[in-house]
Amino acid sequence: MTDLGRVVQKAADALAAKHVGAVVAAVSGDRVEIRGVGAMATTGASAGQPPSGDTLFEVGSVTKVFTALTLARLAIAGVVDVEEPVADLLPTGTSIRSRDGEPIRLWHLATHTSGLPRLPKGLLKAVLAGGNREDPYADCTEEYVLATLGRTKLAARPGTRFAYSNLGAGLLGIALARRAGLSYDELVAREITVPLGLSDTSVAVPPAHAARLAAGHTKRRKPTAAWDMASLAGAGGLHATAEDLLAFVRVHLDLKAVTDHAFADALRLARSRQFELAAHHHVHLGWMSMQPKGSDTKRLYWHNGRTGGFASWVGFVPKRRAGVVVLSNTARSVDRTGMGLLRRVEGL
């Protein structure tokens, strides 16, 4: 076993005690290692079956990176402008607030600086009052989401303050899909997954792939319902495998090697637009990043995700040609595992 294989296996083994199942993957230069531990499910046909690189997981908010890259792709193609007000992409008559004369622009949604709250107005109250707690977004139709916007006050002038917003990311997905005349799933396929050959990354899992879909579990390892993000799919609706996500990461490691120049330009745009969160920490179009003090080049990009039954983490350091993917079918954070493993991988 290689050094890379050993550190990946060690990280996977460490998850086994508190997660029903997990897959850990890493790339270092041209070397790739993927390890699975635990089980795809605790009941049903896949109970006890170990997960692998082609096991499908809900990836939650890692979806936001795909939504933001779709924005960058459409911007490079001239279909949208990142500075364009989102209102221009919504149905005529949709009411959406501005603040201090500044409208919500597309880049604000991709960087969580729109001023919008985390959730659509009334959703949390409805869930707590007896709604579908296991699948809280299932009733978030496009009509429902758009109808709440006019009643939703902005917490800050757009572009001036970071506040993580599933509503904002989901609204971005709605807006881009409407401009393209496609569903969100179809748009991400056209702009990202088909060009990159990511055949296992989609919102809807094809029937032929269903046997490879892991079952979700609560933090206490109890089976729980899958999530349907409905019209907010752009905030967290994708399913993916470790193999697909690692291939996605590898594209980010060497932009000069990307032969589709328009795609490479979109990747650059997604990184170049940034908003400072704190010293050495930024949010970009989709990705979060951190840069060690005193380092001009070693920037680490990452994003995590969580649904009712799954957790995910994806990160990479371009200058080290290192990347990590961690997927779990248990709603327990894998952030520490992912970040710790990436630190070790970049040192190999």
Protein backbone atom coordinates (compact mmCIF):
# COMPACT_ATOMS: atom_id res chain seq x y z
CA MET A 1 0.00 0.00 0.00
CA THR A 2 1.29 3.46 -0.93
CA ASP A 3 1.69 6.30 1.56
CA LEU A 4 -1.41 7.88 0.01
CA GLY A 5 -3.32 4.62 0.38
CA ARG A 6 -2.33 4.35 4.02
CA VAL A 7 -3.48 7.84 5.01
CA VAL A 8 -6.76 7.44 3.12
CA GLN A 9 -7.43 4.07 4.76
CA LYS A 10 -6.62 5.50 8.18
CA ALA A 11 -9.06 8.36 7.65
CA ALA A 12 -11.78 5.95 6.50
CA ASP A 13 -11.21 3.61 9.45
CA ALA A 14 -11.53 6.53 11.87
CA LEU A 15 -15.04 7.23 10.55
CA ALA A 16 -16.25 3.65 10.95
CA ALA A 17 -17.04 3.92 14.67
CA LYS A 18 -19.64 6.69 14.34
CA HIS A 19 -20.83 6.42 10.74
CA VAL A 20 -22.92 3.67 9.18
CA GLY A 21 -20.85 3.89 6.02
CA ALA A 22 -18.36 6.24 4.40
CA VAL A 23 -16.14 6.60 1.36
CA VAL A 24 -12.89 8.55 1.48
CA ALA A 25 -11.00 9.50 -1.67
CA ALA A 26 -7.84 11.49 -2.33
CA VAL A 27 -5.64 12.62 -5.19
CA SER A 28 -1.99 13.61 -4.92
CA GLY A 29 -0.41 14.46 -8.24
CA ASP A 30 -1.25 11.54 -10.52
CA ARG A 31 -1.98 9.15 -7.65
CA VAL A 32 -5.56 8.35 -6.61
CA GLU A 33 -6.84 6.26 -3.70
CA ILE A 34 -10.45 5.48 -2.70
CA ARG A 35 -11.52 3.51 0.37
CA GLY A 36 -14.95 2.51 1.67
CA VAL A 37 -15.89 1.40 5.18
CA GLY A 38 -19.07 0.28 6.91
CA ALA A 39 -22.30 -0.37 5.06
CA MET A 40 -24.53 1.25 2.43
CA ALA A 41 -27.57 0.60 4.64
CA THR A 42 -28.72 -1.05 7.85
CA THR A 43 -31.95 -2.43 6.34
CA GLY A 44 -33.12 -3.61 2.94
CA ALA A 45 -31.29 -5.17 0.02
CA SER A 46 -28.05 -3.21 0.53
CA ALA A 47 -27.85 -3.80 4.30
CA GLY A 48 -24.29 -4.67 5.24
CA GLN A 49 -23.02 -4.11 1.71
CA PRO A 50 -19.82 -2.02 1.84
CA PRO A 51 -19.83 1.33 0.00
CA SER A 52 -17.28 2.01 -2.71
CA GLY A 53 -16.17 4.68 -5.13
CA ASP A 54 -19.30 4.24 -7.24
CA THR A 55 -21.79 4.36 -4.35
CA LEU A 56 -24.24 7.26 -4.65
CA PHE A 57 -24.69 9.70 -1.75
CA GLU A 58 -26.72 12.84 -1.17
CA VAL A 59 -24.01 15.52 -1.19
CA GLY A 60 -26.08 18.34 0.30
CA SER A 61 -24.50 21.77 0.08
CA VAL A 62 -21.58 20.59 -2.05
CA THR A 63 -24.26 21.14 -4.71
CA LYS A 64 -23.72 24.88 -4.27
CA VAL A 65 -20.31 24.59 -5.94
CA PHE A 66 -21.98 23.13 -9.04
CA THR A 67 -24.65 25.84 -9.02
CA ALA A 68 -22.02 28.56 -8.80
CA LEU A 69 -19.88 27.00 -11.53
CA THR A 70 -22.98 26.85 -13.72
CA LEU A 71 -23.32 30.60 -13.14
CA ALA A 72 -19.70 31.07 -14.19
CA ARG A 73 -20.21 28.89 -17.29
CA LEU A 74 -23.26 30.91 -18.38
CA ALA A 75 -21.43 34.17 -17.68
CA ILE A 76 -18.47 33.17 -19.86
CA ALA A 77 -20.94 32.18 -22.59
CA GLY A 78 -22.62 35.59 -22.36
CA VAL A 79 -25.98 34.14 -21.32
CA VAL A 80 -25.94 36.00 -18.01
CA ASP A 81 -23.75 38.58 -16.28
CA VAL A 82 -22.64 37.96 -12.70
CA GLU A 83 -23.58 41.60 -11.98
CA GLU A 84 -27.10 41.11 -13.35
CA PRO A 85 -29.94 41.57 -10.83
CA VAL A 86 -31.61 38.24 -10.14
CA ALA A 87 -34.98 39.95 -10.67
CA ASP A 88 -34.18 40.11 -14.39
CA LEU A 89 -34.21 36.30 -14.55
CA LEU A 90 -37.44 35.77 -12.59
CA PRO A 91 -41.03 35.78 -13.90
CA THR A 92 -42.51 39.17 -14.65
CA GLY A 93 -44.23 40.54 -11.59
CA THR A 94 -42.09 38.67 -9.05
CA SER A 95 -41.59 40.91 -6.04
CA ILE A 96 -38.08 40.86 -4.55
CA ARG A 97 -36.61 43.44 -2.23
CA SER A 98 -33.47 45.54 -2.51
CA ARG A 99 -31.73 47.45 0.26
CA ASP A 100 -30.20 50.93 0.25
CA GLY A 101 -30.74 51.07 -3.49
CA GLU A 102 -28.77 47.89 -4.21
CA PRO A 103 -30.58 44.93 -5.82
CA ILE A 104 -29.62 41.31 -5.28
CA ARG A 105 -27.21 40.40 -8.07
CA LEU A 106 -26.29 36.90 -9.23
CA TRP A 107 -22.85 36.99 -7.63
CA HIS A 108 -24.41 37.93 -4.30
CA LEU A 109 -26.40 34.66 -4.35
CA ALA A 110 -23.29 32.61 -5.18
CA THR A 111 -21.29 34.18 -2.33
CA HIS A 112 -23.98 34.30 0.38
CA THR A 113 -23.89 38.09 0.43
CA SER A 114 -27.45 38.71 -0.82
CA GLY A 115 -28.89 39.63 2.58
CA LEU A 116 -31.45 36.84 2.24
CA PRO A 117 -32.08 34.59 5.27
CA ARG A 118 -31.00 30.97 5.47
CA LEU A 119 -34.48 29.60 4.69
CA PRO A 120 -37.59 30.75 2.81
CA LYS A 121 -39.89 32.83 4.99
CA GLY A 122 -42.26 30.63 6.98
CA LEU A 123 -40.55 27.32 6.23
CA LEU A 124 -39.06 26.74 9.67
CA LYS A 125 -42.33 27.70 11.37
CA ALA A 126 -44.27 25.31 9.13
CA VAL A 127 -41.92 22.41 9.85
CA LEU A 128 -41.96 23.02 13.59
CA ALA A 129 -45.76 23.25 13.51
CA GLY A 130 -46.08 19.70 12.24
CA GLY A 131 -44.62 19.73 8.75
CA ASN A 132 -42.37 17.10 7.23
CA ARG A 133 -39.38 17.21 9.56
CA GLU A 134 -37.61 14.29 7.87
CA ASP A 135 -37.87 15.96 4.44
CA PRO A 136 -38.24 19.69 5.23
CA TYR A 137 -37.75 21.14 1.74
CA ALA A 138 -40.13 18.80 -0.11
CA ASP A 139 -42.91 21.41 -0.38
CA CYS A 140 -40.64 24.21 -1.59
CA THR A 141 -42.13 24.57 -5.04
CA GLU A 142 -40.91 27.37 -7.28
CA GLU A 143 -44.22 29.17 -6.79
CA TYR A 144 -43.88 28.98 -3.01
CA VAL A 145 -40.28 30.21 -2.99
CA LEU A 146 -40.91 33.13 -5.35
CA ALA A 147 -44.03 34.15 -3.44
CA THR A 148 -42.02 34.54 -0.22
CA LEU A 149 -39.44 36.91 -1.70
CA GLY A 150 -41.57 40.04 -1.57
CA ARG A 151 -42.22 39.46 2.14
CA THR A 152 -38.57 38.76 2.94
CA LYS A 153 -36.52 41.64 4.34
CA LEU A 154 -32.81 41.75 3.56
CA ALA A 155 -30.56 41.70 6.62
CA ALA A 156 -27.93 43.86 4.94
CA ARG A 157 -27.22 45.76 1.75
CA PRO A 158 -26.38 43.09 -0.86
CA GLY A 159 -22.67 42.60 -1.32
CA THR A 160 -21.66 43.86 2.12
CA ARG A 161 -22.17 41.00 4.59
CA PHE A 162 -21.80 37.21 4.50
CA ALA A 163 -24.76 35.18 5.79
CA TYR A 164 -25.05 31.57 4.64
CA SER A 165 -28.30 31.14 2.73
CA ASN A 166 -29.86 27.99 1.32
CA LEU A 167 -32.63 30.22 0.00
CA GLY A 168 -30.10 32.33 -1.90
CA ALA A 169 -28.33 29.37 -3.49
CA GLY A 170 -31.64 27.74 -4.34
CA LEU A 171 -32.90 30.97 -5.87
CA LEU A 172 -29.77 31.13 -8.01
CA GLY A 173 -30.52 27.65 -9.31
CA ILE A 174 -34.11 28.67 -10.12
CA ALA A 175 -32.99 31.84 -11.88
CA LEU A 176 -30.31 30.20 -14.01
CA ALA A 177 -32.62 27.36 -15.01
CA ARG A 178 -35.30 29.83 -16.07
CA ARG A 179 -32.84 31.85 -18.17
CA ALA A 180 -31.64 28.63 -19.87
CA GLY A 181 -35.15 27.25 -20.37
CA LEU A 182 -34.18 23.97 -18.71
CA SER A 183 -34.70 22.24 -15.40
CA TYR A 184 -31.90 22.68 -12.86
CA ASP A 185 -30.87 19.03 -13.35
CA GLU A 186 -30.76 19.43 -17.13
CA LEU A 187 -28.78 22.67 -16.88
CA VAL A 188 -26.08 21.22 -14.60
CA ALA A 189 -25.84 18.22 -16.91
CA ARG A 190 -25.37 20.42 -19.97
CA GLU A 191 -22.88 22.81 -18.38
CA ILE A 192 -20.85 20.55 -16.07
CA THR A 193 -21.52 16.85 -15.70
CA VAL A 194 -21.74 15.89 -19.38
CA PRO A 195 -18.66 17.92 -20.43
CA LEU A 196 -16.66 16.40 -17.56
CA GLY A 197 -18.04 12.87 -17.94
CA LEU A 198 -19.58 12.84 -14.46
CA SER A 199 -22.24 10.25 -15.28
CA ASP A 200 -23.21 9.63 -11.64
CA THR A 201 -23.86 13.23 -10.61
CA SER A 202 -27.49 14.39 -10.83
CA VAL A 203 -30.49 15.44 -8.80
CA ALA A 204 -32.69 12.56 -9.93
CA VAL A 205 -31.11 9.12 -9.57
CA PRO A 206 -31.85 7.04 -12.70
CA PRO A 207 -33.64 3.74 -11.94
CA ALA A 208 -30.68 1.83 -13.35
CA HIS A 209 -28.44 3.41 -10.67
CA ALA A 210 -30.80 3.00 -7.72
CA ALA A 211 -29.08 -0.14 -6.42
CA ARG A 212 -25.92 1.92 -5.86
CA LEU A 213 -27.69 4.57 -3.76
CA ALA A 214 -26.73 4.50 -0.08
CA ALA A 215 -29.50 4.87 2.50
CA GLY A 216 -29.37 7.86 4.83
CA HIS A 217 -29.11 7.68 8.62
CA THR A 218 -29.45 10.13 11.47
CA LYS A 219 -26.58 11.15 13.69
CA ARG A 220 -27.61 8.24 15.94
CA ARG A 221 -27.33 5.82 12.98
CA LYS A 222 -31.08 5.34 12.59
CA PRO A 223 -32.55 5.08 9.06
CA THR A 224 -34.14 8.30 7.85
CA ALA A 225 -35.93 9.59 4.76
CA ALA A 226 -34.15 10.88 1.70
CA TRP A 227 -34.33 14.62 1.11
CA ASP A 228 -36.16 16.19 -1.83
CA MET A 229 -34.94 19.77 -2.21
CA ALA A 230 -37.70 20.47 -4.75
CA SER A 231 -37.16 23.88 -6.43
CA LEU A 232 -34.23 24.61 -4.08
CA ALA A 233 -32.19 21.83 -5.68
CA GLY A 234 -29.43 24.34 -6.41
CA ALA A 235 -28.79 24.60 -2.67
CA GLY A 236 -28.36 20.91 -1.94
CA GLY A 237 -30.15 18.53 -4.30
CA LEU A 238 -27.38 16.63 -6.06
CA HIS A 239 -26.41 12.99 -5.64
CA ALA A 240 -22.86 11.96 -6.56
CA THR A 241 -20.19 9.33 -6.08
CA ALA A 242 -16.70 9.72 -4.68
CA GLU A 243 -15.31 8.81 -8.09
CA ASP A 244 -17.24 11.62 -9.79
CA LEU A 245 -16.38 14.20 -7.15
CA LEU A 246 -12.71 13.28 -7.25
CA ALA A 247 -12.75 13.68 -11.04
CA PHE A 248 -14.41 17.08 -10.50
CA VAL A 249 -11.67 18.05 -8.04
CA ARG A 250 -8.91 16.98 -10.43
CA VAL A 251 -10.20 19.42 -13.05
CA HIS A 252 -9.60 22.23 -10.53
CA LEU A 253 -6.00 21.23 -9.82
CA ASP A 254 -4.46 22.24 -13.15
CA LEU A 255 -6.50 24.72 -15.16
CA LYS A 256 -3.82 24.86 -17.86
CA ALA A 257 -4.58 21.21 -18.61
CA VAL A 258 -8.27 21.91 -19.26
CA THR A 259 -8.54 21.73 -23.05
CA ASP A 260 -11.96 23.39 -23.18
CA HIS A 261 -10.81 26.99 -22.81
CA ALA A 262 -14.28 28.33 -22.04
CA PHE A 263 -14.61 25.80 -19.23
CA ALA A 264 -11.19 26.80 -17.88
CA ASP A 265 -12.25 30.47 -17.99
CA ALA A 266 -15.36 29.60 -15.96
CA LEU A 267 -13.23 27.84 -13.35
CA ARG A 268 -11.01 30.90 -13.13
CA LEU A 269 -14.00 33.21 -12.82
CA ALA A 270 -15.44 31.13 -9.98
CA ARG A 271 -12.20 31.55 -8.03
CA SER A 272 -11.39 35.14 -8.93
CA ARG A 273 -14.64 36.62 -7.61
CA GLN A 274 -14.25 36.68 -3.84
CA PHE A 275 -15.58 38.25 -0.66
CA GLU A 276 -13.43 38.47 2.46
CA LEU A 277 -14.83 36.66 5.51
CA ALA A 278 -11.83 37.21 7.78
CA ALA A 279 -8.08 37.54 7.44
CA HIS A 280 -6.94 34.87 4.95
CA HIS A 281 -10.50 33.46 4.58
CA HIS A 282 -12.75 34.14 1.58
CA VAL A 283 -15.92 32.96 -0.11
CA HIS A 284 -15.82 32.69 -3.89
CA LEU A 285 -18.48 31.71 -6.41
CA GLY A 286 -19.37 28.50 -4.56
CA TRP A 287 -16.10 27.60 -2.85
CA MET A 288 -14.83 28.75 0.52
CA SER A 289 -11.09 29.24 0.85
CA MET A 290 -8.34 29.80 3.35
CA GLN A 291 -4.74 30.80 2.83
CA PRO A 292 -2.07 30.24 5.50
CA LYS A 293 -0.52 33.44 6.76
CA GLY A 294 2.69 34.21 4.91
CA SER A 295 1.81 31.96 1.95
CA ASP A 296 1.15 33.65 -1.39
CA THR A 297 0.23 30.50 -3.27
CA LYS A 298 -1.01 27.67 -1.04
CA ARG A 299 -4.72 28.51 -0.99
CA LEU A 300 -7.06 25.71 0.12
CA TYR A 301 -10.56 25.59 -1.38
CA TRP A 302 -13.37 23.59 0.23
CA HIS A 303 -17.08 23.06 0.76
CA ASN A 304 -19.09 20.77 2.99
CA GLY A 305 -22.64 19.45 2.98
CA ARG A 306 -25.23 17.87 5.23
CA THR A 307 -28.76 16.54 4.72
CA GLY A 308 -31.01 14.61 7.09
CA GLY A 309 -29.08 11.41 6.49
CA PHE A 310 -25.78 12.28 4.82
CA ALA A 311 -22.63 14.36 5.22
CA SER A 312 -19.96 15.41 2.72
CA TRP A 313 -16.74 17.37 2.39
CA VAL A 314 -14.70 18.27 -0.71
CA GLY A 315 -11.48 20.25 -0.77
CA PHE A 316 -8.30 20.82 -2.76
CA VAL A 317 -5.02 22.73 -2.86
CA PRO A 318 -4.16 23.52 -6.51
CA LYS A 319 -0.51 24.36 -5.92
CA ARG A 320 0.02 20.97 -4.25
CA ARG A 321 -2.14 19.12 -6.80
CA ALA A 322 -3.90 17.58 -3.82
CA GLY A 323 -7.59 16.97 -3.22
CA VAL A 324 -9.91 15.04 -0.90
CA VAL A 325 -13.52 13.83 -0.97
CA VAL A 326 -15.34 12.42 2.07
CA LEU A 327 -18.90 11.07 1.81
CA SER A 328 -20.96 9.53 4.60
CA ASN A 329 -24.47 8.10 4.83
CA THR A 330 -24.80 9.41 8.38
CA ALA A 331 -25.78 12.97 9.31
CA ARG A 332 -22.62 13.56 11.33
CA SER A 333 -20.00 16.09 10.24
CA VAL A 334 -16.99 14.82 8.29
CA ASP A 335 -15.36 18.27 8.12
CA ARG A 336 -12.53 17.48 10.51
CA THR A 337 -11.74 14.24 8.69
CA GLY A 338 -11.70 15.96 5.31
CA MET A 339 -9.61 18.93 6.34
CA GLY A 340 -7.17 16.81 8.33
CA LEU A 341 -6.70 14.36 5.49
CA LEU A 342 -6.13 17.13 2.96
CA ARG A 343 -3.42 18.60 5.18
CA ARG A 344 -1.71 15.21 5.23
CA VAL A 345 -2.16 14.55 1.51
CA GLU A 346 -0.72 17.90 0.47
CA GLY A 347 2.42 17.03 2.43
CA LEU A 348 3.07 13.74 0.60
